Amino acid sequence: MNTTPQASIEQNSSKQNPSNEQRRVIYQARRGLKELDFYIHPYVNNHYLTADADEQTTFAKMLTYEDPDLLNYFMNQDKPEDDKVAQLIKKMKQQQQDN
C-alpha cells in the first residue's frame, strides 16, 4: 500500500479534490528527513485539505524554511520568528502526540 502524502490525498479525493496549488504544497511537504516526515506526513494526510485558507498559507510558508531550521523548531531547539508558523508547529506536534 502506497502511503505517500500524494497517494493518501488521491485515495481521499472523494472528500475534497485538491487544487493545483494544494497539490504543489503537498509535493513540497515531502522532506526526506524521517524526523520531519514524522510530523509533516500525518498533518498532510489528515488535516491539510480541511484546514482553513490561513492555516494552509502558514503551512506553505513553513515549507519554505530550510530542513535544519525546521528540525530545530520541531525539536524545541529554536523558535520561528513568525508566530503563526510557531503555532502551527505546536499544533502539528500536539496532533502527533494525540495519535
N, C-alpha and C. Protein backbone atom coordinates (compact mmCIF):
# COMPACT_ATOMS: atom_id res chain seq x y z
N MET A 1 0.84 -1.18 0.00
CA MET A 1 0.00 0.00 0.00
C MET A 1 0.88 1.24 0.00
N ASN A 2 0.61 2.16 -0.88
CA ASN A 2 1.40 3.38 -1.00
C ASN A 2 0.91 4.40 0.02
N THR A 3 1.82 4.87 0.90
CA THR A 3 1.41 5.78 1.96
C THR A 3 2.06 7.16 1.83
N THR A 4 2.46 7.54 0.63
CA THR A 4 3.00 8.88 0.45
C THR A 4 1.88 9.88 0.61
N PRO A 5 2.21 11.13 0.96
CA PRO A 5 1.15 12.14 1.09
C PRO A 5 0.29 12.25 -0.16
N GLN A 6 0.92 12.23 -1.33
CA GLN A 6 0.16 12.38 -2.57
C GLN A 6 -0.80 11.20 -2.76
N ALA A 7 -0.35 9.99 -2.46
CA ALA A 7 -1.20 8.82 -2.62
C ALA A 7 -2.37 8.88 -1.65
N SER A 8 -2.11 9.31 -0.43
CA SER A 8 -3.19 9.41 0.56
C SER A 8 -4.20 10.46 0.14
N ILE A 9 -3.72 11.56 -0.41
CA ILE A 9 -4.63 12.61 -0.87
C ILE A 9 -5.49 12.08 -2.01
N GLU A 10 -4.88 11.35 -2.94
CA GLU A 10 -5.65 10.82 -4.06
C GLU A 10 -6.66 9.78 -3.59
N GLN A 11 -6.31 8.98 -2.56
CA GLN A 11 -7.24 8.00 -2.03
C GLN A 11 -8.43 8.68 -1.37
N ASN A 12 -8.19 9.85 -0.79
CA ASN A 12 -9.25 10.59 -0.11
C ASN A 12 -9.87 11.66 -1.00
N SER A 13 -9.69 11.54 -2.30
CA SER A 13 -10.16 12.59 -3.21
C SER A 13 -11.67 12.73 -3.20
N SER A 14 -12.38 11.69 -2.76
CA SER A 14 -13.83 11.82 -2.69
C SER A 14 -14.24 12.82 -1.62
N LYS A 15 -13.40 13.04 -0.63
CA LYS A 15 -13.70 14.01 0.41
C LYS A 15 -13.55 15.44 -0.11
N GLN A 16 -12.46 15.69 -0.81
CA GLN A 16 -12.20 17.01 -1.35
C GLN A 16 -11.11 16.91 -2.39
N ASN A 17 -11.33 17.47 -3.56
CA ASN A 17 -10.32 17.45 -4.60
C ASN A 17 -9.36 18.61 -4.38
N PRO A 18 -8.06 18.32 -4.24
CA PRO A 18 -7.09 19.39 -4.02
C PRO A 18 -6.91 20.24 -5.28
N SER A 19 -6.73 21.52 -5.06
CA SER A 19 -6.42 22.44 -6.17
C SER A 19 -4.99 22.20 -6.62
N ASN A 20 -4.62 22.81 -7.73
CA ASN A 20 -3.23 22.69 -8.20
C ASN A 20 -2.26 23.25 -7.18
N GLU A 21 -2.62 24.36 -6.54
CA GLU A 21 -1.76 24.96 -5.51
C GLU A 21 -1.61 24.01 -4.32
N GLN A 22 -2.70 23.40 -3.90
CA GLN A 22 -2.63 22.44 -2.80
C GLN A 22 -1.77 21.24 -3.17
N ARG A 23 -1.89 20.78 -4.39
CA ARG A 23 -1.05 19.66 -4.84
C ARG A 23 0.43 20.04 -4.82
N ARG A 24 0.74 21.29 -5.21
CA ARG A 24 2.12 21.77 -5.18
C ARG A 24 2.66 21.76 -3.75
N VAL A 25 1.86 22.24 -2.82
CA VAL A 25 2.27 22.29 -1.42
C VAL A 25 2.45 20.87 -0.87
N ILE A 26 1.53 19.99 -1.20
CA ILE A 26 1.62 18.60 -0.76
C ILE A 26 2.91 17.97 -1.27
N TYR A 27 3.26 18.25 -2.52
CA TYR A 27 4.50 17.72 -3.08
C TYR A 27 5.71 18.29 -2.33
N GLN A 28 5.68 19.58 -2.03
CA GLN A 28 6.79 20.20 -1.31
C GLN A 28 6.92 19.68 0.12
N ALA A 29 5.86 19.12 0.66
CA ALA A 29 5.88 18.62 2.03
C ALA A 29 6.75 17.38 2.19
N ARG A 30 7.09 16.73 1.10
CA ARG A 30 7.95 15.55 1.19
C ARG A 30 9.37 16.02 1.43
N ARG A 31 9.86 15.86 2.64
CA ARG A 31 11.14 16.42 3.04
C ARG A 31 12.29 15.44 2.91
N GLY A 32 12.08 14.19 3.23
CA GLY A 32 13.18 13.23 3.14
C GLY A 32 13.88 12.99 4.47
N LEU A 33 13.62 13.80 5.46
CA LEU A 33 14.16 13.56 6.80
C LEU A 33 13.08 12.88 7.63
N LYS A 34 13.38 11.71 8.15
CA LYS A 34 12.38 10.98 8.91
C LYS A 34 11.84 11.79 10.08
N GLU A 35 12.72 12.56 10.72
CA GLU A 35 12.32 13.35 11.88
C GLU A 35 11.27 14.40 11.50
N LEU A 36 11.40 14.99 10.31
CA LEU A 36 10.41 15.96 9.85
C LEU A 36 9.17 15.27 9.31
N ASP A 37 9.36 14.22 8.56
CA ASP A 37 8.23 13.49 8.00
C ASP A 37 7.33 12.92 9.09
N PHE A 38 7.89 12.64 10.25
CA PHE A 38 7.13 12.13 11.39
C PHE A 38 6.00 13.09 11.75
N TYR A 39 6.23 14.38 11.63
CA TYR A 39 5.23 15.39 11.95
C TYR A 39 4.46 15.87 10.71
N ILE A 40 5.17 16.06 9.62
CA ILE A 40 4.56 16.67 8.43
C ILE A 40 3.62 15.70 7.71
N HIS A 41 4.04 14.47 7.54
CA HIS A 41 3.25 13.49 6.79
C HIS A 41 1.84 13.31 7.38
N PRO A 42 1.68 13.08 8.69
CA PRO A 42 0.32 12.93 9.24
C PRO A 42 -0.53 14.20 9.08
N TYR A 43 0.10 15.35 9.21
CA TYR A 43 -0.64 16.60 9.04
C TYR A 43 -1.18 16.70 7.62
N VAL A 44 -0.34 16.43 6.64
CA VAL A 44 -0.77 16.50 5.24
C VAL A 44 -1.90 15.51 4.98
N ASN A 45 -1.74 14.30 5.48
CA ASN A 45 -2.74 13.25 5.22
C ASN A 45 -4.08 13.50 5.90
N ASN A 46 -4.05 14.07 7.10
CA ASN A 46 -5.26 14.14 7.91
C ASN A 46 -5.84 15.52 8.12
N HIS A 47 -5.06 16.58 7.87
CA HIS A 47 -5.54 17.91 8.25
C HIS A 47 -5.40 18.99 7.18
N TYR A 48 -4.42 18.87 6.32
CA TYR A 48 -4.10 19.98 5.41
C TYR A 48 -5.30 20.40 4.56
N LEU A 49 -5.95 19.46 3.89
CA LEU A 49 -7.03 19.83 2.97
C LEU A 49 -8.26 20.38 3.68
N THR A 50 -8.42 20.06 4.94
CA THR A 50 -9.58 20.58 5.68
C THR A 50 -9.24 21.82 6.50
N ALA A 51 -7.98 22.21 6.51
CA ALA A 51 -7.57 23.42 7.24
C ALA A 51 -8.10 24.65 6.51
N ASP A 52 -8.29 25.73 7.27
CA ASP A 52 -8.75 26.97 6.63
C ASP A 52 -7.63 27.56 5.79
N ALA A 53 -7.98 28.53 4.96
CA ALA A 53 -7.02 29.12 4.00
C ALA A 53 -5.82 29.72 4.71
N ASP A 54 -6.03 30.35 5.86
CA ASP A 54 -4.93 30.97 6.61
C ASP A 54 -3.93 29.91 7.07
N GLU A 55 -4.44 28.79 7.58
CA GLU A 55 -3.54 27.72 8.04
C GLU A 55 -2.82 27.08 6.86
N GLN A 56 -3.51 26.92 5.73
CA GLN A 56 -2.84 26.36 4.55
C GLN A 56 -1.72 27.29 4.08
N THR A 57 -1.96 28.59 4.13
CA THR A 57 -0.92 29.56 3.76
C THR A 57 0.25 29.48 4.72
N THR A 58 -0.05 29.36 6.00
CA THR A 58 1.02 29.24 7.01
C THR A 58 1.82 27.97 6.79
N PHE A 59 1.14 26.88 6.47
CA PHE A 59 1.83 25.62 6.20
C PHE A 59 2.76 25.77 4.99
N ALA A 60 2.27 26.40 3.93
CA ALA A 60 3.10 26.61 2.74
C ALA A 60 4.32 27.47 3.10
N LYS A 61 4.12 28.48 3.94
CA LYS A 61 5.24 29.32 4.37
C LYS A 61 6.24 28.49 5.18
N MET A 62 5.73 27.65 6.07
CA MET A 62 6.61 26.81 6.88
C MET A 62 7.50 25.94 5.99
N LEU A 63 6.95 25.45 4.89
CA LEU A 63 7.71 24.59 3.99
C LEU A 63 8.83 25.32 3.26
N THR A 64 8.83 26.66 3.30
CA THR A 64 9.93 27.40 2.67
C THR A 64 11.16 27.45 3.56
N TYR A 65 11.01 27.08 4.82
CA TYR A 65 12.15 27.07 5.75
C TYR A 65 13.07 25.91 5.38
N GLU A 66 14.33 26.09 5.67
CA GLU A 66 15.32 25.04 5.43
C GLU A 66 15.10 23.89 6.41
N ASP A 67 15.41 22.67 5.97
CA ASP A 67 15.22 21.50 6.81
C ASP A 67 15.92 21.60 8.17
N PRO A 68 17.18 22.05 8.24
CA PRO A 68 17.81 22.15 9.56
C PRO A 68 17.07 23.10 10.50
N ASP A 69 16.52 24.18 9.95
CA ASP A 69 15.74 25.10 10.78
C ASP A 69 14.46 24.43 11.26
N LEU A 70 13.75 23.77 10.35
CA LEU A 70 12.52 23.07 10.74
C LEU A 70 12.80 22.02 11.81
N LEU A 71 13.88 21.30 11.65
CA LEU A 71 14.24 20.27 12.63
C LEU A 71 14.46 20.91 14.00
N ASN A 72 15.14 22.05 14.03
CA ASN A 72 15.34 22.76 15.29
C ASN A 72 14.03 23.19 15.90
N TYR A 73 13.09 23.64 15.08
CA TYR A 73 11.80 24.07 15.59
C TYR A 73 11.01 22.89 16.16
N PHE A 74 11.00 21.79 15.44
CA PHE A 74 10.23 20.63 15.90
C PHE A 74 10.88 19.96 17.12
N MET A 75 12.17 20.14 17.29
CA MET A 75 12.88 19.55 18.42
C MET A 75 13.02 20.54 19.59
N ASN A 76 12.33 21.67 19.50
CA ASN A 76 12.34 22.70 20.55
C ASN A 76 13.72 23.28 20.83
N GLN A 77 14.57 23.31 19.82
CA GLN A 77 15.89 23.89 19.99
C GLN A 77 15.92 25.34 19.53
N ASP A 78 14.87 25.77 18.85
CA ASP A 78 14.75 27.14 18.37
C ASP A 78 13.27 27.40 18.11
N LYS A 79 12.92 28.64 17.88
CA LYS A 79 11.53 29.00 17.61
C LYS A 79 11.50 29.92 16.39
N PRO A 80 10.58 29.67 15.45
CA PRO A 80 10.50 30.55 14.28
C PRO A 80 10.04 31.95 14.69
N GLU A 81 10.49 32.95 13.96
CA GLU A 81 10.10 34.32 14.26
C GLU A 81 8.62 34.55 13.98
N ASP A 82 8.08 33.87 12.98
CA ASP A 82 6.67 34.02 12.62
C ASP A 82 5.81 33.26 13.63
N ASP A 83 4.97 33.98 14.35
CA ASP A 83 4.14 33.38 15.38
C ASP A 83 3.16 32.36 14.81
N LYS A 84 2.64 32.61 13.61
CA LYS A 84 1.71 31.66 13.00
C LYS A 84 2.40 30.33 12.69
N VAL A 85 3.62 30.40 12.21
CA VAL A 85 4.39 29.18 11.94
C VAL A 85 4.67 28.45 13.25
N ALA A 86 5.04 29.20 14.28
CA ALA A 86 5.31 28.60 15.59
C ALA A 86 4.06 27.90 16.12
N GLN A 87 2.90 28.52 15.99
CA GLN A 87 1.65 27.92 16.46
C GLN A 87 1.30 26.67 15.65
N LEU A 88 1.53 26.70 14.35
CA LEU A 88 1.25 25.53 13.52
C LEU A 88 2.16 24.37 13.90
N ILE A 89 3.42 24.64 14.12
CA ILE A 89 4.34 23.58 14.53
C ILE A 89 3.89 22.99 15.86
N LYS A 90 3.50 23.84 16.78
CA LYS A 90 2.99 23.36 18.06
C LYS A 90 1.76 22.47 17.85
N LYS A 91 0.86 22.90 16.99
CA LYS A 91 -0.35 22.12 16.68
C LYS A 91 0.00 20.77 16.07
N MET A 92 0.94 20.76 15.13
CA MET A 92 1.34 19.52 14.47
C MET A 92 1.96 18.56 15.47
N LYS A 93 2.77 19.08 16.37
CA LYS A 93 3.38 18.23 17.40
C LYS A 93 2.32 17.66 18.32
N GLN A 94 1.34 18.47 18.70
CA GLN A 94 0.27 18.01 19.57
C GLN A 94 -0.57 16.93 18.89
N GLN A 95 -0.88 17.14 17.62
CA GLN A 95 -1.66 16.14 16.88
C GLN A 95 -0.92 14.81 16.82
N GLN A 96 0.37 14.86 16.67
CA GLN A 96 1.15 13.63 16.61
C GLN A 96 1.17 12.95 17.98
N GLN A 97 1.25 13.73 19.04
CA GLN A 97 1.21 13.17 20.40
C GLN A 97 -0.12 12.52 20.69
N ASP A 98 -1.19 13.11 20.18
CA ASP A 98 -2.53 12.59 20.43
C ASP A 98 -2.80 11.26 19.72
N ASN A 99 -2.00 10.96 18.72
CA ASN A 99 -2.21 9.70 17.97
C ASN A 99 -1.53 8.54 18.60
